[in-house]
Amino acid sequence: MTAYVLHIAGIRLLGLEELPGPALHVLLGFIVAVTVFATLWSRHFRRGPLEWLLGKATKPAELVR
């Protein structure tokens, strides 16, 4: 989930939604960046930051029967 949100945020921050067509170099850049980020993150943490937050937010559901 974190990777998907980073893709969307990156597209918006870089203004890429206004490109006239698909740019292969942009796609490859996103793939490399997210793969490196996810690999480094997973070496130190079990879950991504948004996955952790979602887990905490849904923890009370375990008490419902």
Protein backbone atom coordinates (compact mmCIF):
# COMPACT_ATOMS: atom_id res chain seq x y z
CA MET A 1 0.00 0.00 0.00
CA THR A 2 2.83 2.37 0.83
CA ALA A 3 4.41 1.78 -2.58
CA TYR A 4 1.14 2.58 -4.35
CA VAL A 5 0.69 5.79 -2.37
CA LEU A 6 4.30 6.79 -3.11
CA HIS A 7 3.64 6.30 -6.82
CA ILE A 8 0.58 8.54 -6.70
CA ALA A 9 2.33 11.17 -4.57
CA GLY A 10 5.36 11.13 -6.88
CA ILE A 11 3.22 11.58 -9.96
CA ARG A 12 1.39 14.53 -8.38
CA LEU A 13 4.50 16.17 -6.90
CA LEU A 14 6.46 15.91 -10.14
CA GLY A 15 3.50 17.05 -12.26
CA LEU A 16 3.66 13.92 -14.40
CA GLU A 17 -0.09 13.64 -14.90
CA GLU A 18 0.29 16.42 -17.47
CA LEU A 19 2.67 14.49 -19.73
CA PRO A 20 1.28 14.08 -23.25
CA GLY A 21 1.92 10.33 -23.28
CA PRO A 22 3.53 7.49 -21.41
CA ALA A 23 7.23 7.97 -20.84
CA LEU A 24 9.20 4.76 -20.45
CA HIS A 25 12.03 6.47 -18.57
CA VAL A 26 9.58 7.78 -15.96
CA LEU A 27 8.07 4.33 -15.47
CA LEU A 28 11.48 2.71 -15.13
CA GLY A 29 12.54 5.43 -12.67
CA PHE A 30 9.50 4.76 -10.49
CA ILE A 31 10.09 1.02 -10.60
CA VAL A 32 13.73 1.36 -9.58
CA ALA A 33 13.02 3.94 -6.86
CA VAL A 34 10.19 1.98 -5.24
CA THR A 35 12.09 -1.31 -5.46
CA VAL A 36 15.14 0.21 -3.76
CA PHE A 37 13.01 1.91 -1.11
CA ALA A 38 11.01 -1.26 -0.38
CA THR A 39 14.14 -3.41 -0.21
CA LEU A 40 15.90 -1.08 2.20
CA TRP A 41 12.76 -0.62 4.29
CA SER A 42 12.12 -4.36 4.58
CA ARG A 43 15.63 -4.94 5.92
CA HIS A 44 14.79 -2.85 8.99
CA PHE A 45 11.02 -3.12 9.41
CA ARG A 46 8.44 -5.86 9.01
CA ARG A 47 5.74 -3.64 7.49
CA GLY A 48 5.56 -0.41 5.55
CA PRO A 49 4.47 2.73 7.40
CA LEU A 50 0.95 2.77 5.94
CA GLU A 51 0.52 -0.98 6.49
CA TRP A 52 1.53 -0.49 10.12
CA LEU A 53 -0.92 2.40 10.52
CA LEU A 54 -3.75 0.39 8.98
CA GLY A 55 -2.95 -2.51 11.32
CA LYS A 56 -3.15 -0.21 14.34
CA ALA A 57 -6.40 1.36 13.11
CA THR A 58 -8.09 -2.02 12.65
CA LYS A 59 -6.77 -3.61 15.89
CA PRO A 60 -10.04 -2.92 17.79
CA ALA A 61 -11.88 -5.12 15.26
CA GLU A 62 -10.28 -8.15 16.96
CA LEU A 63 -12.47 -7.45 19.99
CA VAL A 64 -15.72 -7.65 18.00
CA ARG A 65 -17.44 -11.03 17.98
